[in-house]
Each structure stands twice: as C-alpha cells, then as structure tokens.
Amino acid sequence: MTLDRVKDYPSMWAACRELAPKLNVGPETLRKWVRQAQSDAGERTGPTSEELEEIKRLKRENRDLRETNEILKAAASFLSSGSSTLATVHSRVHRFDEGERPWSRADLWRPA
C-alpha cells in the first residue's frame, strides 16, 4: 500500500508518517518494512528476507557449535589431567567391601 502511494508524497518518510497510523503501526516500523520489501524485490541493495533468515540460522548454528566445542575442550582437559576421579568413583560405586555401604548418587557430588 505504501509503495503504491509513495509517489503522492514528497518522501518515503512523509508517506510512512501519514500511512502508519492507518495501518496501526509506527512510522519507523512501516519504513523498515518498505525498505525490506524493496530489497526483496531487487529495487534496493541489501540482504533479502531469505538471506537474513539464512544469516540468523548460521549465527545460531555457529553459537551452538562454539558451546559444544567449549564443553568438549573442558571434558578433554579434565580427562587428560591424569585425574583418576572417575575411575575411583566407578570402582567405589560398583565394588565395595563387605560391611561397607555403596555410595549413593548424593555421595558422588561431594567435593573430594
């Protein structure tokens, strides 16, 4: 609607200021929508809506991969530090002397 009527106004901003209340949106929101519609139609330079979605998806994927890498680095560091904590916990949970009680799940979280 705005693109059809923009020729009747001295500028895009004037058209958006006039038409935004009729569409129940703010003038700046309408202006951004018009600019994006022009980019999608190839009338203006800039990323299209599809490209913006792809960028957003890639950023999200990149963030997830970075988090995964941090977790893997921390795990590798823990396992390569020579700590036998896991082996100790494993042996205590599964092998206990007669008269000893096996560790409970709560015992595993106690600091060593």
PDB file of N, CA and C in Angstrom:
ATOM      1  N   MET A   1       0.834  -1.187   0.000  1.00  0.00           N
ATOM      2  CA  MET A   1       0.000   0.000   0.000  1.00  0.00           C
ATOM      3  C   MET A   1       0.886   1.261   0.000  1.00  0.00           C
ATOM      4  N   THR A   2       1.904   1.238   0.825  1.00  0.00           N
ATOM      5  CA  THR A   2       2.797   2.398   0.909  1.00  0.00           C
ATOM      6  C   THR A   2       3.551   2.591  -0.394  1.00  0.00           C
ATOM      7  N   LEU A   3       4.050   1.498  -0.978  1.00  0.00           N
ATOM      8  CA  LEU A   3       4.786   1.600  -2.238  1.00  0.00           C
ATOM      9  C   LEU A   3       3.910   2.151  -3.353  1.00  0.00           C
ATOM     10  N   ASP A   4       2.631   1.814  -3.335  1.00  0.00           N
ATOM     11  CA  ASP A   4       1.719   2.324  -4.353  1.00  0.00           C
ATOM     12  C   ASP A   4       1.456   3.815  -4.191  1.00  0.00           C
ATOM     13  N   ARG A   5       1.528   4.313  -2.976  1.00  0.00           N
ATOM     14  CA  ARG A   5       1.162   5.711  -2.711  1.00  0.00           C
ATOM     15  C   ARG A   5       2.364   6.633  -2.482  1.00  0.00           C
ATOM     16  N   VAL A   6       3.573   6.090  -2.492  1.00  0.00           N
ATOM     17  CA  VAL A   6       4.741   6.913  -2.175  1.00  0.00           C
ATOM     18  C   VAL A   6       4.931   8.060  -3.166  1.00  0.00           C
ATOM     19  N   LYS A   7       4.503   7.878  -4.396  1.00  0.00           N
ATOM     20  CA  LYS A   7       4.653   8.951  -5.394  1.00  0.00           C
ATOM     21  C   LYS A   7       3.792  10.174  -5.076  1.00  0.00           C
ATOM     22  N   ASP A   8       2.792  10.016  -4.229  1.00  0.00           N
ATOM     23  CA  ASP A   8       1.916  11.122  -3.847  1.00  0.00           C
ATOM     24  C   ASP A   8       2.495  11.958  -2.705  1.00  0.00           C
ATOM     25  N   TYR A   9       3.649  11.554  -2.178  1.00  0.00           N
ATOM     26  CA  TYR A   9       4.259  12.237  -1.041  1.00  0.00           C
ATOM     27  C   TYR A   9       5.653  12.723  -1.430  1.00  0.00           C
ATOM     28  N   PRO A  10       6.142  13.757  -0.747  1.00  0.00           N
ATOM     29  CA  PRO A  10       7.462  14.293  -1.085  1.00  0.00           C
ATOM     30  C   PRO A  10       8.619  13.336  -0.756  1.00  0.00           C
ATOM     31  N   SER A  11       8.419  12.422   0.198  1.00  0.00           N
ATOM     32  CA  SER A  11       9.480  11.488   0.568  1.00  0.00           C
ATOM     33  C   SER A  11       8.862  10.203   1.123  1.00  0.00           C
ATOM     34  N   MET A  12       9.697   9.203   1.235  1.00  0.00           N
ATOM     35  CA  MET A  12       9.251   7.933   1.815  1.00  0.00           C
ATOM     36  C   MET A  12       8.828   8.141   3.257  1.00  0.00           C
ATOM     37  N   TRP A  13       9.610   8.937   4.002  1.00  0.00           N
ATOM     38  CA  TRP A  13       9.289   9.188   5.401  1.00  0.00           C
ATOM     39  C   TRP A  13       7.935   9.868   5.543  1.00  0.00           C
ATOM     40  N   ALA A  14       7.644  10.831   4.682  1.00  0.00           N
ATOM     41  CA  ALA A  14       6.343  11.514   4.739  1.00  0.00           C
ATOM     42  C   ALA A  14       5.209  10.524   4.473  1.00  0.00           C
ATOM     43  N   ALA A  15       5.412   9.627   3.527  1.00  0.00           N
ATOM     44  CA  ALA A  15       4.391   8.621   3.228  1.00  0.00           C
ATOM     45  C   ALA A  15       4.194   7.694   4.431  1.00  0.00           C
ATOM     46  N   CYS A  16       5.287   7.270   5.030  1.00  0.00           N
ATOM     47  CA  CYS A  16       5.201   6.374   6.183  1.00  0.00           C
ATOM     48  C   CYS A  16       4.543   7.062   7.375  1.00  0.00           C
ATOM     49  N   ARG A  17       4.889   8.326   7.601  1.00  0.00           N
ATOM     50  CA  ARG A  17       4.287   9.069   8.717  1.00  0.00           C
ATOM     51  C   ARG A  17       2.783   9.212   8.529  1.00  0.00           C
ATOM     52  N   GLU A  18       2.361   9.408   7.305  1.00  0.00           N
ATOM     53  CA  GLU A  18       0.930   9.589   7.008  1.00  0.00           C
ATOM     54  C   GLU A  18       0.167   8.262   7.052  1.00  0.00           C
ATOM     55  N   LEU A  19       0.765   7.207   6.522  1.00  0.00           N
ATOM     56  CA  LEU A  19       0.044   5.941   6.369  1.00  0.00           C
ATOM     57  C   LEU A  19       0.161   5.008   7.584  1.00  0.00           C
ATOM     58  N   ALA A  20       1.184   5.146   8.389  1.00  0.00           N
ATOM     59  CA  ALA A  20       1.406   4.242   9.529  1.00  0.00           C
ATOM     60  C   ALA A  20       0.219   4.193  10.493  1.00  0.00           C
ATOM     61  N   PRO A  21      -0.347   5.336  10.903  1.00  0.00           N
ATOM     62  CA  PRO A  21      -1.491   5.262  11.829  1.00  0.00           C
ATOM     63  C   PRO A  21      -2.684   4.501  11.225  1.00  0.00           C
ATOM     64  N   LYS A  22      -2.862   4.593   9.929  1.00  0.00           N
ATOM     65  CA  LYS A  22      -3.963   3.880   9.275  1.00  0.00           C
ATOM     66  C   LYS A  22      -3.745   2.370   9.304  1.00  0.00           C
ATOM     67  N   LEU A  23      -2.474   1.962   9.365  1.00  0.00           N
ATOM     68  CA  LEU A  23      -2.133   0.541   9.426  1.00  0.00           C
ATOM     69  C   LEU A  23      -1.892   0.068  10.860  1.00  0.00           C
ATOM     70  N   ASN A  24      -2.049   1.007  11.802  1.00  0.00           N
ATOM     71  CA  ASN A  24      -1.883   0.727  13.221  1.00  0.00           C
ATOM     72  C   ASN A  24      -0.466   0.240  13.563  1.00  0.00           C
ATOM     73  N   VAL A  25       0.535   0.869  12.932  1.00  0.00           N
ATOM     74  CA  VAL A  25       1.942   0.601  13.225  1.00  0.00           C
ATOM     75  C   VAL A  25       2.664   1.934  13.331  1.00  0.00           C
ATOM     76  N   GLY A  26       3.883   1.898  13.835  1.00  0.00           N
ATOM     77  CA  GLY A  26       4.683   3.110  13.920  1.00  0.00           C
ATOM     78  C   GLY A  26       5.281   3.457  12.559  1.00  0.00           C
ATOM     79  N   PRO A  27       5.566   4.730  12.326  1.00  0.00           N
ATOM     80  CA  PRO A  27       6.128   5.137  11.042  1.00  0.00           C
ATOM     81  C   PRO A  27       7.485   4.498  10.733  1.00  0.00           C
ATOM     82  N   GLU A  28       8.334   4.350  11.753  1.00  0.00           N
ATOM     83  CA  GLU A  28       9.645   3.739  11.528  1.00  0.00           C
ATOM     84  C   GLU A  28       9.503   2.259  11.182  1.00  0.00           C
ATOM     85  N   THR A  29       8.565   1.578  11.821  1.00  0.00           N
ATOM     86  CA  THR A  29       8.310   0.173  11.502  1.00  0.00           C
ATOM     87  C   THR A  29       7.866   0.044  10.060  1.00  0.00           C
ATOM     88  N   LEU A  30       6.959   0.889   9.637  1.00  0.00           N
ATOM     89  CA  LEU A  30       6.481   0.855   8.253  1.00  0.00           C
ATOM     90  C   LEU A  30       7.618   1.152   7.277  1.00  0.00           C
ATOM     91  N   ARG A  31       8.451   2.126   7.620  1.00  0.00           N
ATOM     92  CA  ARG A  31       9.577   2.465   6.743  1.00  0.00           C
ATOM     93  C   ARG A  31      10.513   1.266   6.582  1.00  0.00           C
ATOM     94  N   LYS A  32      10.792   0.560   7.692  1.00  0.00           N
ATOM     95  CA  LYS A  32      11.663  -0.623   7.611  1.00  0.00           C
ATOM     96  C   LYS A  32      11.026  -1.714   6.765  1.00  0.00           C
ATOM     97  N   TRP A  33       9.717  -1.897   6.905  1.00  0.00           N
ATOM     98  CA  TRP A  33       9.020  -2.903   6.095  1.00  0.00           C
ATOM     99  C   TRP A  33       9.100  -2.557   4.607  1.00  0.00           C
ATOM    100  N   VAL A  34       8.946  -1.282   4.299  1.00  0.00           N
ATOM    101  CA  VAL A  34       9.008  -0.843   2.902  1.00  0.00           C
ATOM    102  C   VAL A  34      10.414  -1.073   2.355  1.00  0.00           C
ATOM    103  N   ARG A  35      11.422  -0.703   3.121  1.00  0.00           N
ATOM    104  CA  ARG A  35      12.807  -0.915   2.675  1.00  0.00           C
ATOM    105  C   ARG A  35      13.096  -2.393   2.454  1.00  0.00           C
ATOM    106  N   GLN A  36      12.602  -3.256   3.345  1.00  0.00           N
ATOM    107  CA  GLN A  36      12.818  -4.696   3.189  1.00  0.00           C
ATOM    108  C   GLN A  36      12.075  -5.217   1.962  1.00  0.00           C
ATOM    109  N   ALA A  37      10.872  -4.725   1.720  1.00  0.00           N
ATOM    110  CA  ALA A  37      10.111  -5.143   0.537  1.00  0.00           C
ATOM    111  C   ALA A  37      10.841  -4.716  -0.734  1.00  0.00           C
ATOM    112  N   GLN A  38      11.448  -3.538  -0.710  1.00  0.00           N
ATOM    113  CA  GLN A  38      12.217  -3.076  -1.864  1.00  0.00           C
ATOM    114  C   GLN A  38      13.461  -3.942  -2.061  1.00  0.00           C
ATOM    115  N   SER A  39      14.124  -4.341  -0.979  1.00  0.00           N
ATOM    116  CA  SER A  39      15.295  -5.226  -1.091  1.00  0.00           C
ATOM    117  C   SER A  39      14.887  -6.586  -1.644  1.00  0.00           C
ATOM    118  N   ASP A  40      13.760  -7.107  -1.159  1.00  0.00           N
ATOM    119  CA  ASP A  40      13.279  -8.405  -1.627  1.00  0.00           C
ATOM    120  C   ASP A  40      12.923  -8.369  -3.110  1.00  0.00           C
ATOM    121  N   ALA A  41      12.431  -7.220  -3.569  1.00  0.00           N
ATOM    122  CA  ALA A  41      12.040  -7.070  -4.977  1.00  0.00           C
ATOM    123  C   ALA A  41      13.223  -6.724  -5.876  1.00  0.00           C
ATOM    124  N   GLY A  42      14.385  -6.466  -5.280  1.00  0.00           N
ATOM    125  CA  GLY A  42      15.567  -6.124  -6.059  1.00  0.00           C
ATOM    126  C   GLY A  42      15.645  -4.656  -6.434  1.00  0.00           C
ATOM    127  N   GLU A  43      14.790  -3.837  -5.856  1.00  0.00           N
ATOM    128  CA  GLU A  43      14.782  -2.403  -6.153  1.00  0.00           C
ATOM    129  C   GLU A  43      15.794  -1.631  -5.306  1.00  0.00           C
ATOM    130  N   ARG A  44      16.309  -2.260  -4.270  1.00  0.00           N
ATOM    131  CA  ARG A  44      17.235  -1.613  -3.338  1.00  0.00           C
ATOM    132  C   ARG A  44      18.319  -2.624  -2.989  1.00  0.00           C
ATOM    133  N   THR A  45      19.521  -2.131  -2.745  1.00  0.00           N
ATOM    134  CA  THR A  45      20.594  -3.031  -2.342  1.00  0.00           C
ATOM    135  C   THR A  45      20.406  -3.423  -0.883  1.00  0.00           C
ATOM    136  N   GLY A  46      20.937  -4.565  -0.551  1.00  0.00           N
ATOM    137  CA  GLY A  46      20.841  -5.049   0.824  1.00  0.00           C
ATOM    138  C   GLY A  46      20.367  -6.484   0.832  1.00  0.00           C
ATOM    139  N   PRO A  47      20.487  -7.121   1.976  1.00  0.00           N
ATOM    140  CA  PRO A  47      20.099  -8.534   2.061  1.00  0.00           C
ATOM    141  C   PRO A  47      18.582  -8.709   1.959  1.00  0.00           C
ATOM    142  N   THR A  48      18.177  -9.784   1.286  1.00  0.00           N
ATOM    143  CA  THR A  48      16.756 -10.103   1.179  1.00  0.00           C
ATOM    144  C   THR A  48      16.305 -10.786   2.469  1.00  0.00           C
ATOM    145  N   SER A  49      15.019 -10.972   2.605  1.00  0.00           N
ATOM    146  CA  SER A  49      14.487 -11.649   3.794  1.00  0.00           C
ATOM    147  C   SER A  49      15.041 -13.060   3.907  1.00  0.00           C
ATOM    148  N   GLU A  50      15.162 -13.760   2.789  1.00  0.00           N
ATOM    149  CA  GLU A  50      15.718 -15.115   2.796  1.00  0.00           C
ATOM    150  C   GLU A  50      17.168 -15.108   3.266  1.00  0.00           C
ATOM    151  N   GLU A  51      17.942 -14.140   2.783  1.00  0.00           N
ATOM    152  CA  GLU A  51      19.338 -14.036   3.197  1.00  0.00           C
ATOM    153  C   GLU A  51      19.447 -13.710   4.688  1.00  0.00           C
ATOM    154  N   LEU A  52      18.568 -12.854   5.177  1.00  0.00           N
ATOM    155  CA  LEU A  52      18.585 -12.518   6.605  1.00  0.00           C
ATOM    156  C   LEU A  52      18.249 -13.736   7.455  1.00  0.00           C
ATOM    157  N   GLU A  53      17.293 -14.549   6.997  1.00  0.00           N
ATOM    158  CA  GLU A  53      16.958 -15.784   7.715  1.00  0.00           C
ATOM    159  C   GLU A  53      18.136 -16.749   7.726  1.00  0.00           C
ATOM    160  N   GLU A  54      18.824 -16.863   6.588  1.00  0.00           N
ATOM    161  CA  GLU A  54      19.986 -17.745   6.495  1.00  0.00           C
ATOM    162  C   GLU A  54      21.101 -17.264   7.422  1.00  0.00           C
ATOM    163  N   ILE A  55      21.332 -15.963   7.475  1.00  0.00           N
ATOM    164  CA  ILE A  55      22.345 -15.395   8.365  1.00  0.00           C
ATOM    165  C   ILE A  55      21.993 -15.695   9.818  1.00  0.00           C
ATOM    166  N   LYS A  56      20.725 -15.524  10.165  1.00  0.00           N
ATOM    167  CA  LYS A  56      20.283 -15.797  11.530  1.00  0.00           C
ATOM    168  C   LYS A  56      20.482 -17.273  11.880  1.00  0.00           C
ATOM    169  N   ARG A  57      20.129 -18.166  10.941  1.00  0.00           N
ATOM    170  CA  ARG A  57      20.291 -19.600  11.167  1.00  0.00           C
ATOM    171  C   ARG A  57      21.769 -19.948  11.352  1.00  0.00           C
ATOM    172  N   LEU A  58      22.627 -19.380  10.507  1.00  0.00           N
ATOM    173  CA  LEU A  58      24.058 -19.662  10.592  1.00  0.00           C
ATOM    174  C   LEU A  58      24.662 -19.137  11.891  1.00  0.00           C
ATOM    175  N   LYS A  59      24.223 -17.973  12.341  1.00  0.00           N
ATOM    176  CA  LYS A  59      24.718 -17.433  13.614  1.00  0.00           C
ATOM    177  C   LYS A  59      24.317 -18.334  14.774  1.00  0.00           C
ATOM    178  N   ARG A  60      23.079 -18.808  14.743  1.00  0.00           N
ATOM    179  CA  ARG A  60      22.603 -19.714  15.795  1.00  0.00           C
ATOM    180  C   ARG A  60      23.415 -21.018  15.780  1.00  0.00           C
ATOM    181  N   GLU A  61      23.636 -21.563  14.592  1.00  0.00           N
ATOM    182  CA  GLU A  61      24.419 -22.794  14.449  1.00  0.00           C
ATOM    183  C   GLU A  61      25.854 -22.580  14.927  1.00  0.00           C
ATOM    184  N   ASN A  62      26.441 -21.440  14.574  1.00  0.00           N
ATOM    185  CA  ASN A  62      27.796 -21.107  14.995  1.00  0.00           C
ATOM    186  C   ASN A  62      27.884 -21.028  16.523  1.00  0.00           C
ATOM    187  N   ARG A  63      26.893 -20.381  17.152  1.00  0.00           N
ATOM    188  CA  ARG A  63      26.869 -20.271  18.607  1.00  0.00           C
ATOM    189  C   ARG A  63      26.791 -21.659  19.246  1.00  0.00           C
ATOM    190  N   ASP A  64      25.913 -22.518  18.711  1.00  0.00           N
ATOM    191  CA  ASP A  64      25.771 -23.875  19.248  1.00  0.00           C
ATOM    192  C   ASP A  64      27.066 -24.668  19.102  1.00  0.00           C
ATOM    193  N   LEU A  65      27.731 -24.535  17.974  1.00  0.00           N
ATOM    194  CA  LEU A  65      28.989 -25.251  17.761  1.00  0.00           C
ATOM    195  C   LEU A  65      30.084 -24.747  18.692  1.00  0.00           C
ATOM    196  N   ARG A  66      30.125 -23.442  18.926  1.00  0.00           N
ATOM    197  CA  ARG A  66      31.116 -22.887  19.865  1.00  0.00           C
ATOM    198  C   ARG A  66      30.879 -23.431  21.278  1.00  0.00           C
ATOM    199  N   GLU A  67      29.605 -23.487  21.697  1.00  0.00           N
ATOM    200  CA  GLU A  67      29.290 -24.017  23.018  1.00  0.00           C
ATOM    201  C   GLU A  67      29.692 -25.492  23.114  1.00  0.00           C
ATOM    202  N   THR A  68      29.405 -26.251  22.074  1.00  0.00           N
ATOM    203  CA  THR A  68      29.779 -27.662  22.049  1.00  0.00           C
ATOM    204  C   THR A  68      31.284 -27.823  22.139  1.00  0.00           C
ATOM    205  N   ASN A  69      32.024 -27.003  21.397  1.00  0.00           N
ATOM    206  CA  ASN A  69      33.486 -27.059  21.441  1.00  0.00           C
ATOM    207  C   ASN A  69      34.006 -26.743  22.842  1.00  0.00           C
ATOM    208  N   GLU A  70      33.424 -25.771  23.510  1.00  0.00           N
ATOM    209  CA  GLU A  70      33.854 -25.433  24.870  1.00  0.00           C
ATOM    210  C   GLU A  70      33.617 -26.608  25.819  1.00  0.00           C
ATOM    211  N   ILE A  71      32.489 -27.266  25.670  1.00  0.00           N
ATOM    212  CA  ILE A  71      32.193 -28.431  26.512  1.00  0.00           C
ATOM    213  C   ILE A  71      33.199 -29.545  26.241  1.00  0.00           C
ATOM    214  N   LEU A  72      33.471 -29.799  24.957  1.00  0.00           N
ATOM    215  CA  LEU A  72      34.423 -30.853  24.604  1.00  0.00           C
ATOM    216  C   LEU A  72      35.833 -30.527  25.080  1.00  0.00           C
ATOM    217  N   LYS A  73      36.232 -29.258  24.991  1.00  0.00           N
ATOM    218  CA  LYS A  73      37.552 -28.860  25.487  1.00  0.00           C
ATOM    219  C   LYS A  73      37.656 -29.081  26.989  1.00  0.00           C
ATOM    220  N   ALA A  74      36.598 -28.700  27.703  1.00  0.00           N
ATOM    221  CA  ALA A  74      36.613 -28.881  29.154  1.00  0.00           C
ATOM    222  C   ALA A  74      36.674 -30.363  29.506  1.00  0.00           C
ATOM    223  N   ALA A  75      35.931 -31.180  28.796  1.00  0.00           N
ATOM    224  CA  ALA A  75      35.944 -32.624  29.063  1.00  0.00           C
ATOM    225  C   ALA A  75      37.310 -33.211  28.741  1.00  0.00           C
ATOM    226  N   ALA A  76      37.899 -32.814  27.622  1.00  0.00           N
ATOM    227  CA  ALA A  76      39.220 -33.323  27.242  1.00  0.00           C
ATOM    228  C   ALA A  76      40.265 -32.901  28.260  1.00  0.00           C
ATOM    229  N   SER A  77      40.174 -31.682  28.730  1.00  0.00           N
ATOM    230  CA  SER A  77      41.113 -31.189  29.733  1.00  0.00           C
ATOM    231  C   SER A  77      40.984 -31.980  31.027  1.00  0.00           C
ATOM    232  N   PHE A  78      39.753 -32.227  31.427  1.00  0.00           N
ATOM    233  CA  PHE A  78      39.519 -32.987  32.656  1.00  0.00           C
ATOM    234  C   PHE A  78      40.058 -34.409  32.533  1.00  0.00           C
ATOM    235  N   LEU A  79      39.777 -35.043  31.402  1.00  0.00           N
ATOM    236  CA  LEU A  79      40.189 -36.434  31.222  1.00  0.00           C
ATOM    237  C   LEU A  79      41.695 -36.578  31.011  1.00  0.00           C
ATOM    238  N   SER A  80      42.334 -35.570  30.440  1.00  0.00           N
ATOM    239  CA  SER A  80      43.776 -35.670  30.190  1.00  0.00           C
ATOM    240  C   SER A  80      44.601 -35.167  31.362  1.00  0.00           C
ATOM    241  N   SER A  81      43.973 -34.668  32.390  1.00  0.00           N
ATOM    242  CA  SER A  81      44.719 -34.116  33.527  1.00  0.00           C
ATOM    243  C   SER A  81      45.304 -35.204  34.421  1.00  0.00           C
ATOM    244  N   GLY A  82      45.038 -36.456  34.081  1.00  0.00           N
ATOM    245  CA  GLY A  82      45.590 -37.538  34.879  1.00  0.00           C
ATOM    246  C   GLY A  82      44.763 -37.812  36.115  1.00  0.00           C
ATOM    247  N   SER A  83      43.638 -37.197  36.241  1.00  0.00           N
ATOM    248  CA  SER A  83      42.782 -37.410  37.398  1.00  0.00           C
ATOM    249  C   SER A  83      42.158 -38.793  37.330  1.00  0.00           C
ATOM    250  N   SER A  84      42.196 -39.477  38.416  1.00  0.00           N
ATOM    251  CA  SER A  84      41.592 -40.804  38.453  1.00  0.00           C
ATOM    252  C   SER A  84      40.258 -40.748  39.180  1.00  0.00           C
ATOM    253  N   THR A  85      39.688 -39.551  39.255  1.00  0.00           N
ATOM    254  CA  THR A  85      38.439 -39.371  39.979  1.00  0.00           C
ATOM    255  C   THR A  85      37.346 -40.268  39.426  1.00  0.00           C
ATOM    256  N   LEU A  86      37.222 -40.310  38.112  1.00  0.00           N
ATOM    257  CA  LEU A  86      36.173 -41.126  37.519  1.00  0.00           C
ATOM    258  C   LEU A  86      36.398 -42.596  37.821  1.00  0.00           C
ATOM    259  N   ALA A  87      37.633 -43.060  37.715  1.00  0.00           N
ATOM    260  CA  ALA A  87      37.926 -44.461  38.000  1.00  0.00           C
ATOM    261  C   ALA A  87      37.639 -44.769  39.464  1.00  0.00           C
ATOM    262  N   THR A  88      37.991 -43.863  40.363  1.00  0.00           N
ATOM    263  CA  THR A  88      37.746 -44.064  41.783  1.00  0.00           C
ATOM    264  C   THR A  88      36.258 -44.138  42.064  1.00  0.00           C
ATOM    265  N   VAL A  89      35.525 -43.212  41.511  1.00  0.00           N
ATOM    266  CA  VAL A  89      34.080 -43.204  41.709  1.00  0.00           C
ATOM    267  C   VAL A  89      33.482 -44.475  41.150  1.00  0.00           C
ATOM    268  N   HIS A  90      33.893 -44.858  39.957  1.00  0.00           N
ATOM    269  CA  HIS A  90      33.362 -46.049  39.314  1.00  0.00           C
ATOM    270  C   HIS A  90      33.633 -47.276  40.191  1.00  0.00           C
ATOM    271  N   SER A  91      34.869 -47.432  40.689  1.00  0.00           N
ATOM    272  CA  SER A  91      35.202 -48.610  41.476  1.00  0.00           C
ATOM    273  C   SER A  91      34.479 -48.603  42.815  1.00  0.00           C
ATOM    274  N   ARG A  92      34.299 -47.446  43.418  1.00  0.00           N
ATOM    275  CA  ARG A  92      33.609 -47.381  44.703  1.00  0.00           C
ATOM    276  C   ARG A  92      32.122 -47.670  44.556  1.00  0.00           C
ATOM    277  N   VAL A  93      31.541 -47.258  43.449  1.00  0.00           N
ATOM    278  CA  VAL A  93      30.122 -47.485  43.246  1.00  0.00           C
ATOM    279  C   VAL A  93      29.856 -48.958  42.986  1.00  0.00           C
ATOM    280  N   HIS A  94      30.723 -49.597  42.215  1.00  0.00           N
ATOM    281  CA  HIS A  94      30.447 -50.958  41.779  1.00  0.00           C
ATOM    282  C   HIS A  94      31.130 -52.038  42.614  1.00  0.00           C
ATOM    283  N   ARG A  95      32.171 -51.675  43.358  1.00  0.00           N
ATOM    284  CA  ARG A  95      32.865 -52.657  44.191  1.00  0.00           C
ATOM    285  C   ARG A  95      32.991 -52.096  45.587  1.00  0.00           C
ATOM    286  N   PHE A  96      32.434 -52.779  46.529  1.00  0.00           N
ATOM    287  CA  PHE A  96      32.581 -52.322  47.902  1.00  0.00           C
ATOM    288  C   PHE A  96      32.817 -53.525  48.798  1.00  0.00           C
ATOM    289  N   ASP A  97      33.593 -53.281  49.826  1.00  0.00           N
ATOM    290  CA  ASP A  97      33.921 -54.356  50.767  1.00  0.00           C
ATOM    291  C   ASP A  97      32.686 -54.722  51.574  1.00  0.00           C
ATOM    292  N   GLU A  98      32.740 -55.919  52.096  1.00  0.00           N
ATOM    293  CA  GLU A  98      31.622 -56.363  52.904  1.00  0.00           C
ATOM    294  C   GLU A  98      31.530 -55.465  54.133  1.00  0.00           C
ATOM    295  N   GLY A  99      30.345 -55.091  54.461  1.00  0.00           N
ATOM    296  CA  GLY A  99      30.132 -54.206  55.594  1.00  0.00           C
ATOM    297  C   GLY A  99      30.084 -52.746  55.188  1.00  0.00           C
ATOM    298  N   GLU A 100      30.642 -52.403  54.034  1.00  0.00           N
ATOM    299  CA  GLU A 100      30.562 -51.023  53.537  1.00  0.00           C
ATOM    300  C   GLU A 100      29.269 -50.853  52.774  1.00  0.00           C
ATOM    301  N   ARG A 101      28.753 -49.672  52.845  1.00  0.00           N
ATOM    302  CA  ARG A 101      27.567 -49.420  52.027  1.00  0.00           C
ATOM    303  C   ARG A 101      28.016 -48.819  50.703  1.00  0.00           C
ATOM    304  N   PRO A 102      27.333 -49.109  49.603  1.00  0.00           N
ATOM    305  CA  PRO A 102      27.697 -48.465  48.340  1.00  0.00           C
ATOM    306  C   PRO A 102      27.378 -46.979  48.403  1.00  0.00           C
ATOM    307  N   TRP A 103      28.077 -46.233  47.627  1.00  0.00           N
ATOM    308  CA  TRP A 103      27.822 -44.797  47.582  1.00  0.00           C
ATOM    309  C   TRP A 103      26.474 -44.539  46.949  1.00  0.00           C
ATOM    310  N   SER A 104      25.854 -43.502  47.400  1.00  0.00           N
ATOM    311  CA  SER A 104      24.590 -43.095  46.776  1.00  0.00           C
ATOM    312  C   SER A 104      24.886 -42.009  45.753  1.00  0.00           C
ATOM    313  N   ARG A 105      23.898 -41.643  44.998  1.00  0.00           N
ATOM    314  CA  ARG A 105      24.063 -40.599  43.989  1.00  0.00           C
ATOM    315  C   ARG A 105      24.479 -39.282  44.657  1.00  0.00           C
ATOM    316  N   ALA A 106      23.952 -39.010  45.840  1.00  0.00           N
ATOM    317  CA  ALA A 106      24.306 -37.772  46.533  1.00  0.00           C
ATOM    318  C   ALA A 106      25.779 -37.761  46.915  1.00  0.00           C
ATOM    319  N   ASP A 107      26.356 -38.925  47.233  1.00  0.00           N
ATOM    320  CA  ASP A 107      27.767 -39.000  47.603  1.00  0.00           C
ATOM    321  C   ASP A 107      28.674 -38.644  46.430  1.00  0.00           C
ATOM    322  N   LEU A 108      28.228 -38.882  45.235  1.00  0.00           N
ATOM    323  CA  LEU A 108      29.063 -38.606  44.074  1.00  0.00           C
ATOM    324  C   LEU A 108      29.293 -37.120  43.870  1.00  0.00           C
ATOM    325  N   TRP A 109      28.433 -36.292  44.416  1.00  0.00           N
ATOM    326  CA  TRP A 109      28.555 -34.840  44.223  1.00  0.00           C
ATOM    327  C   TRP A 109      29.324 -34.166  45.343  1.00  0.00           C
ATOM    328  N   ARG A 110      29.740 -34.917  46.344  1.00  0.00           N
ATOM    329  CA  ARG A 110      30.528 -34.337  47.431  1.00  0.00           C
ATOM    330  C   ARG A 110      31.912 -33.963  46.937  1.00  0.00           C
ATOM    331  N   PRO A 111      32.448 -32.831  47.358  1.00  0.00           N
ATOM    332  CA  PRO A 111      33.818 -32.491  46.963  1.00  0.00           C
ATOM    333  C   PRO A 111      34.794 -33.489  47.552  1.00  0.00           C
ATOM    334  N   ALA A 112      35.847 -33.781  46.796  1.00  0.00           N
ATOM    335  CA  ALA A 112      36.832 -34.783  47.231  1.00  0.00           C
ATOM    336  C   ALA A 112      37.719 -34.218  48.316  1.00  0.00           C
TER     337      ALA A 112
END
